[in-house]
Amino acid sequence: MKRRSLFYNNTHLSIAIIFLLLFFGSKIVSGEEIGIKEALDLFYKNNYDIAKNKYEIDKASADLLEAKLRLNPTLTINGSGFAFASGYGIINDQLPSQLSVRLDQPVRLGNKKELAIASAKENLEATKLSYKDFIRNILVVFYTVYYNLSLDRITIDFSRDELARFEKIIKVAEIKYNKGFLSFNDYTKLKLTRIDLENALIISETKYKNDLEDFNLLLGSKNHLEPAKMPFPEKFQDYTEGCLLEKAYANRPDFLSIQRQIKASGYNVSLAKAKRIPDISVGVEYDAFGTAWDPGAGGGISVGLPLFNRNQAEISRRIAERNQIEIQAEKTNNQIITDIRQSLSNYRGSLKIFESYKRKKTEIEKFLEDSEKAFSLGGVTVLDLIDTRRTYKDFMTKHNQSLTQTMLNTELLKVYTGETK
């Protein structure tokens, strides 16, 4: 009687623990739920890396402003022939002297200003596109975190359902044990299995909480947000490589940006060559000279003589930069092809895996249900039941993983084709 009383008390203690896990555990995260579209809006608006990178556009705008500004004039004041009376600190008016005030305005020739403005405009547009490409790249992180959280929620729900379902098995086992139809060892094995299920739920909830921290940091959110449960698509779309490549060449910001950079590099080469033409400086001058300070006016033009430095170094540097950008453009083109092929291969692979599990899902569920009924009737052993449940759990874990991975790969296809906001 003492042995039965001990197990009776332990069983009810376990039931209380399960109650706490199922009902209070569901409130372990009480943040506001947010859909994927709302999460994306917050991501674009508040993400720290996006906000920091956006200032690159301001810097490129400043370069364009600088290219449009006029060159500053130069004011020169010269004096000569002054003398001070010894010990008095005053000008000696008896000595001849001269005072010159000159204003020079540099003038750029060879279309340099226009070329500088054209280059800065292309660089500004390239920077805007590079900013969009930066966002496109970290969208991979956003979608990965979001769908990992979705998988976490599926896993938590599955673990809770399994724990509640297994409690029915424990009740049956308790009855069989008390009536002498189940050995102490088999009853203990079942209770240990329940502990594994409880721990699996705790691990899933802990992972979910940690992933939520990454999610809120990614969104730059000061509130505690969590993604809403996502509907599962009944059917996944098929894609062709040609169609995806066509979209990528039309939408990928890195591909469009490199085209702008090629144009800007062309203007830079032309600007470097134009600098072989010397600029001039036009000046006007006012002079006052002699003991009577007779006034006079004059003007002049100064020009540099390109005898030694004809800007050969900068021309060579700009040509090298243009060649580098053209090679980068070729790499970008090949990178797009690689991205599309790899992402399409990943999508098709995960879809095939998911469909294979989907076809067998009903069968494995019936297999578990029949095993549980058979155990209640004494048709299968405890070890057979535990093995069946382990098979079922592994199957459903892989089913859920393949489902969320396929959904993630669907979003990544859009990222790699540049079909983002």
Foldseek 3Di string as FASTA:
>chain_A
DVVLVVVVVVLVVVVVVLVCCQPVVVVPDPFAADAPVVLVVLLCVAFPVLVVLVCVLVVLVVQLVVLQDFDDKDKDKDKDFWDADPPPRDTDLVTKMKIKIKIKGWDADLCLSVLSNLLSVLLSLLSVLVSLLVVLVCVLVLLVLQLVLLLLVVQLVVLSVVLVVLSVVLVLQSVCVVVPNDDPVLNVVSVVVSVVSVVSNVVSSVVNVVSQVVSCNSSNDPGRYHHDHDDFDPDDDADDLVVLLVLQCVARSNLVSLVSNLVSLVSQLSSLQSVLAWIKMKMKMWMFITSVRDIDIDIDMDTDDSPDCSSPVSNVVSVVVSVVSVVVSVVVSVVLSVLLVVLNVQLVVLVVQLVVLVVCLVVLVVVLVVLSVCVSVVNDGSVVNVVSVVVNVVSVSSNSVSSSSNVSSVVSSCSSSNVDD
